[in-house]
Amino acid sequence: MSWSPDSTRVTYEGENDRGRAAIYVAAADGSGARQISPDDDNNRLAPAWSPRGDLIAYRKDIGFNH
């Protein structure tokens, strides 16, 4: 979970209604949550706001085969 620089919004990782990993943004009180990441099967982890609060970065765990 990561708070926006102005503390009015939060971004977090969760599972959508299809059971897939997703990143969400919501108001500070938890209302109005909406999915902002693509809807696929890859894990999306560690969302973080840019210093200006206009972008959100996250890591996509694609896995590796040895």
PDB file of N, CA and C in Angstrom:
ATOM      1  N   MET A   1       0.849  -1.173   0.000  1.00  0.00           N
ATOM      2  CA  MET A   1       0.000   0.000   0.000  1.00  0.00           C
ATOM      3  C   MET A   1       0.891   1.232   0.000  1.00  0.00           C
ATOM      4  N   SER A   2       0.442   2.271  -0.717  1.00  0.00           N
ATOM      5  CA  SER A   2       1.209   3.505  -0.804  1.00  0.00           C
ATOM      6  C   SER A   2       0.255   4.698  -0.846  1.00  0.00           C
ATOM      7  N   TRP A   3       0.538   5.688   0.008  1.00  0.00           N
ATOM      8  CA  TRP A   3      -0.273   6.908   0.053  1.00  0.00           C
ATOM      9  C   TRP A   3       0.208   7.898  -0.990  1.00  0.00           C
ATOM     10  N   SER A   4      -0.719   8.634  -1.583  1.00  0.00           N
ATOM     11  CA  SER A   4      -0.350   9.701  -2.508  1.00  0.00           C
ATOM     12  C   SER A   4       0.397  10.785  -1.736  1.00  0.00           C
ATOM     13  N   PRO A   5       1.228  11.576  -2.422  1.00  0.00           N
ATOM     14  CA  PRO A   5       1.985  12.622  -1.727  1.00  0.00           C
ATOM     15  C   PRO A   5       1.119  13.593  -0.922  1.00  0.00           C
ATOM     16  N   ASP A   6      -0.098  13.860  -1.376  1.00  0.00           N
ATOM     17  CA  ASP A   6      -0.976  14.772  -0.643  1.00  0.00           C
ATOM     18  C   ASP A   6      -1.891  14.047   0.354  1.00  0.00           C
ATOM     19  N   SER A   7      -1.714  12.747   0.500  1.00  0.00           N
ATOM     20  CA  SER A   7      -2.456  11.904   1.456  1.00  0.00           C
ATOM     21  C   SER A   7      -3.962  11.841   1.212  1.00  0.00           C
ATOM     22  N   THR A   8      -4.402  12.132   0.001  1.00  0.00           N
ATOM     23  CA  THR A   8      -5.837  12.062  -0.288  1.00  0.00           C
ATOM     24  C   THR A   8      -6.256  10.752  -0.943  1.00  0.00           C
ATOM     25  N   ARG A   9      -5.256   9.997  -1.458  1.00  0.00           N
ATOM     26  CA  ARG A   9      -5.546   8.731  -2.134  1.00  0.00           C
ATOM     27  C   ARG A   9      -4.547   7.663  -1.702  1.00  0.00           C
ATOM     28  N   VAL A  10      -4.922   6.436  -1.957  1.00  0.00           N
ATOM     29  CA  VAL A  10      -4.060   5.307  -1.644  1.00  0.00           C
ATOM     30  C   VAL A  10      -4.080   4.344  -2.822  1.00  0.00           C
ATOM     31  N   THR A  11      -2.957   3.702  -3.080  1.00  0.00           N
ATOM     32  CA  THR A  11      -2.902   2.649  -4.080  1.00  0.00           C
ATOM     33  C   THR A  11      -2.468   1.366  -3.388  1.00  0.00           C
ATOM     34  N   TYR A  12      -3.007   0.259  -3.841  1.00  0.00           N
ATOM     35  CA  TYR A  12      -2.711  -1.023  -3.189  1.00  0.00           C
ATOM     36  C   TYR A  12      -2.875  -2.169  -4.173  1.00  0.00           C
ATOM     37  N   GLU A  13      -2.296  -3.301  -3.828  1.00  0.00           N
ATOM     38  CA  GLU A  13      -2.437  -4.496  -4.652  1.00  0.00           C
ATOM     39  C   GLU A  13      -3.554  -5.364  -4.082  1.00  0.00           C
ATOM     40  N   GLY A  14      -4.276  -6.003  -4.962  1.00  0.00           N
ATOM     41  CA  GLY A  14      -5.370  -6.859  -4.534  1.00  0.00           C
ATOM     42  C   GLY A  14      -5.716  -7.859  -5.619  1.00  0.00           C
ATOM     43  N   GLU A  15      -6.836  -8.493  -5.446  1.00  0.00           N
ATOM     44  CA  GLU A  15      -7.314  -9.476  -6.406  1.00  0.00           C
ATOM     45  C   GLU A  15      -8.644  -8.985  -6.949  1.00  0.00           C
ATOM     46  N   ASN A  16      -8.792  -9.035  -8.272  1.00  0.00           N
ATOM     47  CA  ASN A  16     -10.053  -8.569  -8.844  1.00  0.00           C
ATOM     48  C   ASN A  16     -11.108  -9.676  -8.802  1.00  0.00           C
ATOM     49  N   ASP A  17     -12.269  -9.395  -9.337  1.00  0.00           N
ATOM     50  CA  ASP A  17     -13.370 -10.354  -9.261  1.00  0.00           C
ATOM     51  C   ASP A  17     -13.148 -11.595 -10.121  1.00  0.00           C
ATOM     52  N   ARG A  18     -12.099 -11.604 -10.937  1.00  0.00           N
ATOM     53  CA  ARG A  18     -11.748 -12.784 -11.734  1.00  0.00           C
ATOM     54  C   ARG A  18     -10.628 -13.589 -11.079  1.00  0.00           C
ATOM     55  N   GLY A  19     -10.209 -13.162  -9.878  1.00  0.00           N
ATOM     56  CA  GLY A  19      -9.147 -13.857  -9.159  1.00  0.00           C
ATOM     57  C   GLY A  19      -7.755 -13.545  -9.670  1.00  0.00           C
ATOM     58  N   ARG A  20      -7.605 -12.433 -10.351  1.00  0.00           N
ATOM     59  CA  ARG A  20      -6.310 -12.037 -10.906  1.00  0.00           C
ATOM     60  C   ARG A  20      -5.717 -10.876 -10.121  1.00  0.00           C
ATOM     61  N   ALA A  21      -4.389 -10.823 -10.065  1.00  0.00           N
ATOM     62  CA  ALA A  21      -3.698  -9.748  -9.372  1.00  0.00           C
ATOM     63  C   ALA A  21      -3.987  -8.414 -10.060  1.00  0.00           C
ATOM     64  N   ALA A  22      -4.169  -7.366  -9.270  1.00  0.00           N
ATOM     65  CA  ALA A  22      -4.486  -6.054  -9.821  1.00  0.00           C
ATOM     66  C   ALA A  22      -4.018  -4.959  -8.867  1.00  0.00           C
ATOM     67  N   ILE A  23      -3.825  -3.765  -9.413  1.00  0.00           N
ATOM     68  CA  ILE A  23      -3.499  -2.578  -8.623  1.00  0.00           C
ATOM     69  C   ILE A  23      -4.730  -1.681  -8.615  1.00  0.00           C
ATOM     70  N   TYR A  24      -5.048  -1.155  -7.448  1.00  0.00           N
ATOM     71  CA  TYR A  24      -6.221  -0.300  -7.259  1.00  0.00           C
ATOM     72  C   TYR A  24      -5.813   1.057  -6.706  1.00  0.00           C
ATOM     73  N   VAL A  25      -6.647   2.063  -6.961  1.00  0.00           N
ATOM     74  CA  VAL A  25      -6.531   3.391  -6.352  1.00  0.00           C
ATOM     75  C   VAL A  25      -7.866   3.694  -5.703  1.00  0.00           C
ATOM     76  N   ALA A  26      -7.818   4.273  -4.498  1.00  0.00           N
ATOM     77  CA  ALA A  26      -9.032   4.638  -3.777  1.00  0.00           C
ATOM     78  C   ALA A  26      -8.801   5.947  -3.036  1.00  0.00           C
ATOM     79  N   ALA A  27      -9.890   6.566  -2.616  1.00  0.00           N
ATOM     80  CA  ALA A  27      -9.803   7.746  -1.749  1.00  0.00           C
ATOM     81  C   ALA A  27      -9.192   7.328  -0.413  1.00  0.00           C
ATOM     82  N   ALA A  28      -8.719   8.282   0.343  1.00  0.00           N
ATOM     83  CA  ALA A  28      -8.068   7.993   1.622  1.00  0.00           C
ATOM     84  C   ALA A  28      -8.962   7.196   2.570  1.00  0.00           C
ATOM     85  N   ASP A  29     -10.282   7.369   2.467  1.00  0.00           N
ATOM     86  CA  ASP A  29     -11.201   6.633   3.338  1.00  0.00           C
ATOM     87  C   ASP A  29     -11.569   5.264   2.779  1.00  0.00           C
ATOM     88  N   GLY A  30     -10.979   4.887   1.633  1.00  0.00           N
ATOM     89  CA  GLY A  30     -11.239   3.589   1.029  1.00  0.00           C
ATOM     90  C   GLY A  30     -12.362   3.571   0.010  1.00  0.00           C
ATOM     91  N   SER A  31     -13.047   4.678  -0.135  1.00  0.00           N
ATOM     92  CA  SER A  31     -14.172   4.718  -1.081  1.00  0.00           C
ATOM     93  C   SER A  31     -13.693   4.910  -2.519  1.00  0.00           C
ATOM     94  N   GLY A  32     -14.542   4.536  -3.447  1.00  0.00           N
ATOM     95  CA  GLY A  32     -14.277   4.776  -4.861  1.00  0.00           C
ATOM     96  C   GLY A  32     -13.130   3.976  -5.439  1.00  0.00           C
ATOM     97  N   ALA A  33     -12.837   2.815  -4.908  1.00  0.00           N
ATOM     98  CA  ALA A  33     -11.719   2.006  -5.417  1.00  0.00           C
ATOM     99  C   ALA A  33     -11.948   1.637  -6.876  1.00  0.00           C
ATOM    100  N   ARG A  34     -10.875   1.770  -7.673  1.00  0.00           N
ATOM    101  CA  ARG A  34     -10.965   1.366  -9.080  1.00  0.00           C
ATOM    102  C   ARG A  34      -9.659   0.712  -9.481  1.00  0.00           C
ATOM    103  N   GLN A  35      -9.777  -0.289 -10.317  1.00  0.00           N
ATOM    104  CA  GLN A  35      -8.616  -1.009 -10.820  1.00  0.00           C
ATOM    105  C   GLN A  35      -7.919  -0.160 -11.864  1.00  0.00           C
ATOM    106  N   ILE A  36      -6.582  -0.032 -11.756  1.00  0.00           N
ATOM    107  CA  ILE A  36      -5.835   0.770 -12.725  1.00  0.00           C
ATOM    108  C   ILE A  36      -4.837  -0.052 -13.535  1.00  0.00           C
ATOM    109  N   SER A  37      -4.613  -1.299 -13.171  1.00  0.00           N
ATOM    110  CA  SER A  37      -3.669  -2.136 -13.917  1.00  0.00           C
ATOM    111  C   SER A  37      -4.407  -2.988 -14.933  1.00  0.00           C
ATOM    112  N   PRO A  38      -3.692  -3.443 -15.974  1.00  0.00           N
ATOM    113  CA  PRO A  38      -4.321  -4.332 -16.943  1.00  0.00           C
ATOM    114  C   PRO A  38      -4.835  -5.606 -16.265  1.00  0.00           C
ATOM    115  N   ASP A  39      -5.822  -6.202 -16.855  1.00  0.00           N
ATOM    116  CA  ASP A  39      -6.432  -7.405 -16.305  1.00  0.00           C
ATOM    117  C   ASP A  39      -5.774  -8.641 -16.929  1.00  0.00           C
ATOM    118  N   ASP A  40      -4.732  -9.138 -16.280  1.00  0.00           N
ATOM    119  CA  ASP A  40      -4.074 -10.348 -16.766  1.00  0.00           C
ATOM    120  C   ASP A  40      -3.666 -11.225 -15.590  1.00  0.00           C
ATOM    121  N   ASP A  41      -2.985 -12.302 -15.863  1.00  0.00           N
ATOM    122  CA  ASP A  41      -2.637 -13.261 -14.816  1.00  0.00           C
ATOM    123  C   ASP A  41      -1.330 -12.969 -14.099  1.00  0.00           C
ATOM    124  N   ASN A  42      -0.564 -11.972 -14.525  1.00  0.00           N
ATOM    125  CA  ASN A  42       0.726 -11.702 -13.885  1.00  0.00           C
ATOM    126  C   ASN A  42       0.554 -10.899 -12.606  1.00  0.00           C
ATOM    127  N   ASN A  43       1.390 -11.199 -11.631  1.00  0.00           N
ATOM    128  CA  ASN A  43       1.347 -10.469 -10.361  1.00  0.00           C
ATOM    129  C   ASN A  43       1.850  -9.053 -10.558  1.00  0.00           C
ATOM    130  N   ARG A  44       1.208  -8.131  -9.922  1.00  0.00           N
ATOM    131  CA  ARG A  44       1.613  -6.739  -9.938  1.00  0.00           C
ATOM    132  C   ARG A  44       1.816  -6.338  -8.484  1.00  0.00           C
ATOM    133  N   LEU A  45       3.038  -5.902  -8.183  1.00  0.00           N
ATOM    134  CA  LEU A  45       3.434  -5.740  -6.798  1.00  0.00           C
ATOM    135  C   LEU A  45       4.007  -4.364  -6.500  1.00  0.00           C
ATOM    136  N   ALA A  46       3.919  -3.978  -5.238  1.00  0.00           N
ATOM    137  CA  ALA A  46       4.583  -2.795  -4.702  1.00  0.00           C
ATOM    138  C   ALA A  46       4.243  -1.498  -5.430  1.00  0.00           C
ATOM    139  N   PRO A  47       2.973  -1.112  -5.518  1.00  0.00           N
ATOM    140  CA  PRO A  47       2.651   0.162  -6.162  1.00  0.00           C
ATOM    141  C   PRO A  47       3.214   1.339  -5.365  1.00  0.00           C
ATOM    142  N   ALA A  48       3.687   2.358  -6.075  1.00  0.00           N
ATOM    143  CA  ALA A  48       4.256   3.544  -5.426  1.00  0.00           C
ATOM    144  C   ALA A  48       3.959   4.774  -6.268  1.00  0.00           C
ATOM    145  N   TRP A  49       3.639   5.874  -5.606  1.00  0.00           N
ATOM    146  CA  TRP A  49       3.323   7.140  -6.273  1.00  0.00           C
ATOM    147  C   TRP A  49       4.591   7.865  -6.693  1.00  0.00           C
ATOM    148  N   SER A  50       4.488   8.623  -7.763  1.00  0.00           N
ATOM    149  CA  SER A  50       5.561   9.540  -8.142  1.00  0.00           C
ATOM    150  C   SER A  50       5.532  10.721  -7.158  1.00  0.00           C
ATOM    151  N   PRO A  51       6.623  11.464  -7.041  1.00  0.00           N
ATOM    152  CA  PRO A  51       6.650  12.594  -6.099  1.00  0.00           C
ATOM    153  C   PRO A  51       5.554  13.632  -6.323  1.00  0.00           C
ATOM    154  N   ARG A  52       5.144  13.850  -7.585  1.00  0.00           N
ATOM    155  CA  ARG A  52       4.066  14.806  -7.869  1.00  0.00           C
ATOM    156  C   ARG A  52       2.681  14.203  -7.701  1.00  0.00           C
ATOM    157  N   GLY A  53       2.599  12.875  -7.588  1.00  0.00           N
ATOM    158  CA  GLY A  53       1.314  12.214  -7.412  1.00  0.00           C
ATOM    159  C   GLY A  53       0.529  12.025  -8.689  1.00  0.00           C
ATOM    160  N   ASP A  54       1.189  12.185  -9.841  1.00  0.00           N
ATOM    161  CA  ASP A  54       0.476  12.045 -11.107  1.00  0.00           C
ATOM    162  C   ASP A  54       0.700  10.696 -11.784  1.00  0.00           C
ATOM    163  N   LEU A  55       1.608   9.894 -11.252  1.00  0.00           N
ATOM    164  CA  LEU A  55       1.903   8.575 -11.804  1.00  0.00           C
ATOM    165  C   LEU A  55       2.013   7.545 -10.691  1.00  0.00           C
ATOM    166  N   ILE A  56       1.757   6.295 -11.049  1.00  0.00           N
ATOM    167  CA  ILE A  56       1.946   5.187 -10.116  1.00  0.00           C
ATOM    168  C   ILE A  56       2.795   4.138 -10.810  1.00  0.00           C
ATOM    169  N   ALA A  57       3.859   3.734 -10.158  1.00  0.00           N
ATOM    170  CA  ALA A  57       4.724   2.682 -10.690  1.00  0.00           C
ATOM    171  C   ALA A  57       4.471   1.408  -9.902  1.00  0.00           C
ATOM    172  N   TYR A  58       4.674   0.269 -10.554  1.00  0.00           N
ATOM    173  CA  TYR A  58       4.578  -1.012  -9.859  1.00  0.00           C
ATOM    174  C   TYR A  58       5.448  -2.032 -10.570  1.00  0.00           C
ATOM    175  N   ARG A  59       5.793  -3.064  -9.832  1.00  0.00           N
ATOM    176  CA  ARG A  59       6.626  -4.123 -10.388  1.00  0.00           C
ATOM    177  C   ARG A  59       5.738  -5.230 -10.926  1.00  0.00           C
ATOM    178  N   LYS A  60       6.081  -5.746 -12.074  1.00  0.00           N
ATOM    179  CA  LYS A  60       5.362  -6.865 -12.662  1.00  0.00           C
ATOM    180  C   LYS A  60       6.248  -8.099 -12.516  1.00  0.00           C
ATOM    181  N   ASP A  61       5.790  -9.080 -11.761  1.00  0.00           N
ATOM    182  CA  ASP A  61       6.535 -10.304 -11.525  1.00  0.00           C
ATOM    183  C   ASP A  61       6.208 -11.289 -12.638  1.00  0.00           C
ATOM    184  N   ILE A  62       7.137 -11.462 -13.575  1.00  0.00           N
ATOM    185  CA  ILE A  62       6.878 -12.334 -14.719  1.00  0.00           C
ATOM    186  C   ILE A  62       7.410 -13.748 -14.515  1.00  0.00           C
ATOM    187  N   GLY A  63       8.200 -13.941 -13.476  1.00  0.00           N
ATOM    188  CA  GLY A  63       8.739 -15.269 -13.196  1.00  0.00           C
ATOM    189  C   GLY A  63       9.870 -15.627 -14.156  1.00  0.00           C
ATOM    190  N   PHE A  64      10.634 -16.617 -13.778  1.00  0.00           N
ATOM    191  CA  PHE A  64      11.748 -17.066 -14.587  1.00  0.00           C
ATOM    192  C   PHE A  64      11.770 -18.588 -14.605  1.00  0.00           C
ATOM    193  N   ASN A  65      12.116 -19.133 -15.758  1.00  0.00           N
ATOM    194  CA  ASN A  65      12.306 -20.570 -15.883  1.00  0.00           C
ATOM    195  C   ASN A  65      13.808 -20.859 -15.946  1.00  0.00           C
ATOM    196  N   HIS A  66      14.229 -21.856 -15.224  1.00  0.00           N
ATOM    197  CA  HIS A  66      15.660 -22.226 -15.230  1.00  0.00           C
ATOM    198  C   HIS A  66      15.872 -23.489 -16.004  1.00  0.00           C
TER     199      HIS A  66
END
